Amino acid sequence: MDETNITSGSEQIFHCTLDGTHKFWRVRLHGSTQTVSFGRIGTGGQTQTKSFEDEESARAATDRIIAQKKSKGYVPVTETEAAGTPPRRVRPRAAEQLLLPLDDFGPPQSPGKSVFAEPVTLALF
């Protein structure tokens, strides 16, 4: 299948991994209906469907949007390549790394008792 000219009943998949992104974009053309799915690789993403007056205008619109995606760094991949691409490992945000699990605090204390063995002071600069 030609990468720049999609035919009715066909589908093309594109991935973009530039600048740390990890996104997919999939377009299906069925008659005069265009269905686009997009999102982060490893997720279901979002789906949008558009209907056109005829098959020719749907194909032309699809070819234009494929050209736009390619200019933004999306590259065509096969279904096998798309299925084999693992989701990006998500690192915890800096604030999330500072959070302690609740298990680190031990069992709940009765009201009025301090969790700490010694008095705690807080110094503000």
C-alpha atoms as a PDB file:
ATOM      1  CA  MET A   1       0.000   0.000   0.000  1.00  0.00           C
ATOM      2  CA  ASP A   2       1.320   3.438  -0.922  1.00  0.00           C
ATOM      3  CA  GLU A   3       2.029   5.550   2.173  1.00  0.00           C
ATOM      4  CA  THR A   4       0.678   8.768   0.678  1.00  0.00           C
ATOM      5  CA  ASN A   5      -2.480   7.490  -1.014  1.00  0.00           C
ATOM      6  CA  ILE A   6      -4.912   5.543   1.141  1.00  0.00           C
ATOM      7  CA  THR A   7      -7.655   3.515  -0.515  1.00  0.00           C
ATOM      8  CA  SER A   8     -11.154   2.661   0.669  1.00  0.00           C
ATOM      9  CA  GLY A   9     -11.203  -0.181   3.166  1.00  0.00           C
ATOM     10  CA  SER A  10      -7.580   0.401   4.161  1.00  0.00           C
ATOM     11  CA  GLU A  11      -5.853   1.506   7.333  1.00  0.00           C
ATOM     12  CA  GLN A  12      -2.528   3.126   8.113  1.00  0.00           C
ATOM     13  CA  ILE A  13      -0.705   3.392  11.436  1.00  0.00           C
ATOM     14  CA  PHE A  14       1.899   6.011  12.364  1.00  0.00           C
ATOM     15  CA  HIS A  15       4.112   6.454  15.430  1.00  0.00           C
ATOM     16  CA  CYS A  16       5.902   9.550  16.695  1.00  0.00           C
ATOM     17  CA  THR A  17       8.730   9.274  19.212  1.00  0.00           C
ATOM     18  CA  LEU A  18      10.434  12.645  18.668  1.00  0.00           C
ATOM     19  CA  ASP A  19      11.442  14.796  21.652  1.00  0.00           C
ATOM     20  CA  GLY A  20      10.394  12.155  24.173  1.00  0.00           C
ATOM     21  CA  THR A  21       6.859  11.770  22.855  1.00  0.00           C
ATOM     22  CA  HIS A  22       5.474   8.274  22.432  1.00  0.00           C
ATOM     23  CA  LYS A  23       2.289   8.686  20.385  1.00  0.00           C
ATOM     24  CA  PHE A  24       0.346   6.741  17.796  1.00  0.00           C
ATOM     25  CA  TRP A  25      -2.016   7.891  15.070  1.00  0.00           C
ATOM     26  CA  ARG A  26      -4.171   5.484  13.059  1.00  0.00           C
ATOM     27  CA  VAL A  27      -6.447   6.334  10.137  1.00  0.00           C
ATOM     28  CA  ARG A  28      -9.080   4.072   8.539  1.00  0.00           C
ATOM     29  CA  LEU A  29     -10.946   4.926   5.375  1.00  0.00           C
ATOM     30  CA  HIS A  30     -14.152   3.067   4.591  1.00  0.00           C
ATOM     31  CA  GLY A  31     -16.061   4.535   1.681  1.00  0.00           C
ATOM     32  CA  SER A  32     -16.810   8.162   2.507  1.00  0.00           C
ATOM     33  CA  THR A  33     -16.103   7.709   6.234  1.00  0.00           C
ATOM     34  CA  GLN A  34     -12.759   8.479   7.879  1.00  0.00           C
ATOM     35  CA  THR A  35     -11.974   7.152  11.359  1.00  0.00           C
ATOM     36  CA  VAL A  36      -8.928   8.444  13.226  1.00  0.00           C
ATOM     37  CA  SER A  37      -7.562   7.016  16.494  1.00  0.00           C
ATOM     38  CA  PHE A  38      -4.755   8.705  18.398  1.00  0.00           C
ATOM     39  CA  GLY A  39      -3.067   8.803  21.774  1.00  0.00           C
ATOM     40  CA  ARG A  40      -0.114   7.518  23.747  1.00  0.00           C
ATOM     41  CA  ILE A  41       1.320   4.195  22.662  1.00  0.00           C
ATOM     42  CA  GLY A  42       0.046   1.503  25.009  1.00  0.00           C
ATOM     43  CA  THR A  43      -3.351   3.142  25.578  1.00  0.00           C
ATOM     44  CA  GLY A  44      -6.634   2.862  23.723  1.00  0.00           C
ATOM     45  CA  GLY A  45      -6.462   6.550  22.830  1.00  0.00           C
ATOM     46  CA  GLN A  46      -9.346   8.557  21.421  1.00  0.00           C
ATOM     47  CA  THR A  47     -11.355   7.948  18.263  1.00  0.00           C
ATOM     48  CA  GLN A  48     -12.976  10.470  15.929  1.00  0.00           C
ATOM     49  CA  THR A  49     -15.105   9.712  12.859  1.00  0.00           C
ATOM     50  CA  LYS A  50     -15.861  12.093   9.988  1.00  0.00           C
ATOM     51  CA  SER A  51     -18.229  11.587   7.072  1.00  0.00           C
ATOM     52  CA  PHE A  52     -17.640  13.199   3.684  1.00  0.00           C
ATOM     53  CA  GLU A  53     -19.891  13.786   0.675  1.00  0.00           C
ATOM     54  CA  ASP A  54     -18.213  11.099  -1.399  1.00  0.00           C
ATOM     55  CA  GLU A  55     -15.327   8.645  -1.352  1.00  0.00           C
ATOM     56  CA  GLU A  56     -13.039  10.889  -3.397  1.00  0.00           C
ATOM     57  CA  SER A  57     -13.289  13.839  -0.976  1.00  0.00           C
ATOM     58  CA  ALA A  58     -12.719  11.473   1.970  1.00  0.00           C
ATOM     59  CA  ARG A  59      -9.594  10.090   0.297  1.00  0.00           C
ATOM     60  CA  ALA A  60      -8.282  13.593  -0.493  1.00  0.00           C
ATOM     61  CA  ALA A  61      -8.829  14.770   3.102  1.00  0.00           C
ATOM     62  CA  THR A  62      -7.148  11.643   4.429  1.00  0.00           C
ATOM     63  CA  ASP A  63      -4.131  12.120   2.146  1.00  0.00           C
ATOM     64  CA  ARG A  64      -3.801  15.736   3.358  1.00  0.00           C
ATOM     65  CA  ILE A  65      -3.897  14.786   7.042  1.00  0.00           C
ATOM     66  CA  ILE A  66      -1.366  11.975   6.463  1.00  0.00           C
ATOM     67  CA  ALA A  67       0.999  14.516   4.881  1.00  0.00           C
ATOM     68  CA  GLN A  68       0.541  16.810   7.908  1.00  0.00           C
ATOM     69  CA  LYS A  69       1.325  13.991  10.338  1.00  0.00           C
ATOM     70  CA  LYS A  70       4.456  13.034   8.403  1.00  0.00           C
ATOM     71  CA  SER A  71       5.652  16.649   8.485  1.00  0.00           C
ATOM     72  CA  LYS A  72       5.276  16.564  12.287  1.00  0.00           C
ATOM     73  CA  GLY A  73       7.547  13.520  12.588  1.00  0.00           C
ATOM     74  CA  TYR A  74       5.100  10.617  12.446  1.00  0.00           C
ATOM     75  CA  VAL A  75       6.446   7.580  10.578  1.00  0.00           C
ATOM     76  CA  PRO A  76       4.383   4.740   9.125  1.00  0.00           C
ATOM     77  CA  VAL A  77       4.573   1.392  10.922  1.00  0.00           C
ATOM     78  CA  THR A  78       3.089  -1.999  10.150  1.00  0.00           C
ATOM     79  CA  GLU A  79       0.446  -3.644  12.319  1.00  0.00           C
ATOM     80  CA  THR A  80       3.128  -6.053  13.613  1.00  0.00           C
ATOM     81  CA  GLU A  81       5.486  -3.199  14.511  1.00  0.00           C
ATOM     82  CA  ALA A  82       2.666  -1.301  16.199  1.00  0.00           C
ATOM     83  CA  ALA A  83       1.676  -4.335  18.287  1.00  0.00           C
ATOM     84  CA  GLY A  84       5.307  -4.925  19.282  1.00  0.00           C
ATOM     85  CA  THR A  85       5.981  -1.379  20.477  1.00  0.00           C
ATOM     86  CA  PRO A  86       5.945  -1.336  24.283  1.00  0.00           C
ATOM     87  CA  PRO A  87       4.387   1.584  26.130  1.00  0.00           C
ATOM     88  CA  ARG A  88       6.801   4.207  27.408  1.00  0.00           C
ATOM     89  CA  ARG A  89       7.901   3.694  30.976  1.00  0.00           C
ATOM     90  CA  VAL A  90       6.360   6.489  32.988  1.00  0.00           C
ATOM     91  CA  ARG A  91       8.617   7.989  35.618  1.00  0.00           C
ATOM     92  CA  PRO A  92       6.988   9.359  38.750  1.00  0.00           C
ATOM     93  CA  ARG A  93       6.883  13.110  38.992  1.00  0.00           C
ATOM     94  CA  ALA A  94       9.313  14.780  41.381  1.00  0.00           C
ATOM     95  CA  ALA A  95       6.538  15.517  43.892  1.00  0.00           C
ATOM     96  CA  GLU A  96       5.343  11.889  43.771  1.00  0.00           C
ATOM     97  CA  GLN A  97       8.856  10.661  44.533  1.00  0.00           C
ATOM     98  CA  LEU A  98       8.782  12.644  47.779  1.00  0.00           C
ATOM     99  CA  LEU A  99       5.571  11.049  49.016  1.00  0.00           C
ATOM    100  CA  LEU A 100       5.969   8.270  51.549  1.00  0.00           C
ATOM    101  CA  PRO A 101       3.726   5.220  51.589  1.00  0.00           C
ATOM    102  CA  LEU A 102       1.262   5.202  54.491  1.00  0.00           C
ATOM    103  CA  ASP A 103       2.800   1.944  55.720  1.00  0.00           C
ATOM    104  CA  ASP A 104       5.925   3.879  56.762  1.00  0.00           C
ATOM    105  CA  PHE A 105       3.946   5.595  59.519  1.00  0.00           C
ATOM    106  CA  GLY A 106       2.984   2.428  61.403  1.00  0.00           C
ATOM    107  CA  PRO A 107      -0.345   1.635  63.026  1.00  0.00           C
ATOM    108  CA  PRO A 108      -2.813   4.423  63.780  1.00  0.00           C
ATOM    109  CA  GLN A 109      -2.361   6.134  67.133  1.00  0.00           C
ATOM    110  CA  SER A 110      -5.085   7.014  69.542  1.00  0.00           C
ATOM    111  CA  PRO A 111      -6.206  10.671  69.471  1.00  0.00           C
ATOM    112  CA  GLY A 112      -3.952  13.020  71.388  1.00  0.00           C
ATOM    113  CA  LYS A 113      -0.881  10.802  71.156  1.00  0.00           C
ATOM    114  CA  SER A 114       2.031  11.792  68.990  1.00  0.00           C
ATOM    115  CA  VAL A 115       3.265   9.521  66.216  1.00  0.00           C
ATOM    116  CA  PHE A 116       6.798  10.637  66.962  1.00  0.00           C
ATOM    117  CA  ALA A 117       8.820   9.386  69.973  1.00  0.00           C
ATOM    118  CA  GLU A 118      10.290  12.832  70.605  1.00  0.00           C
ATOM    119  CA  PRO A 119       8.798  16.287  70.236  1.00  0.00           C
ATOM    120  CA  VAL A 120       9.184  17.620  66.743  1.00  0.00           C
ATOM    121  CA  THR A 121      10.137  21.187  65.963  1.00  0.00           C
ATOM    122  CA  LEU A 122       9.810  22.875  62.647  1.00  0.00           C
ATOM    123  CA  ALA A 123      12.275  25.581  61.707  1.00  0.00           C
ATOM    124  CA  LEU A 124      11.233  28.097  59.093  1.00  0.00           C
ATOM    125  CA  PHE A 125      13.880  30.242  57.500  1.00  0.00           C
END
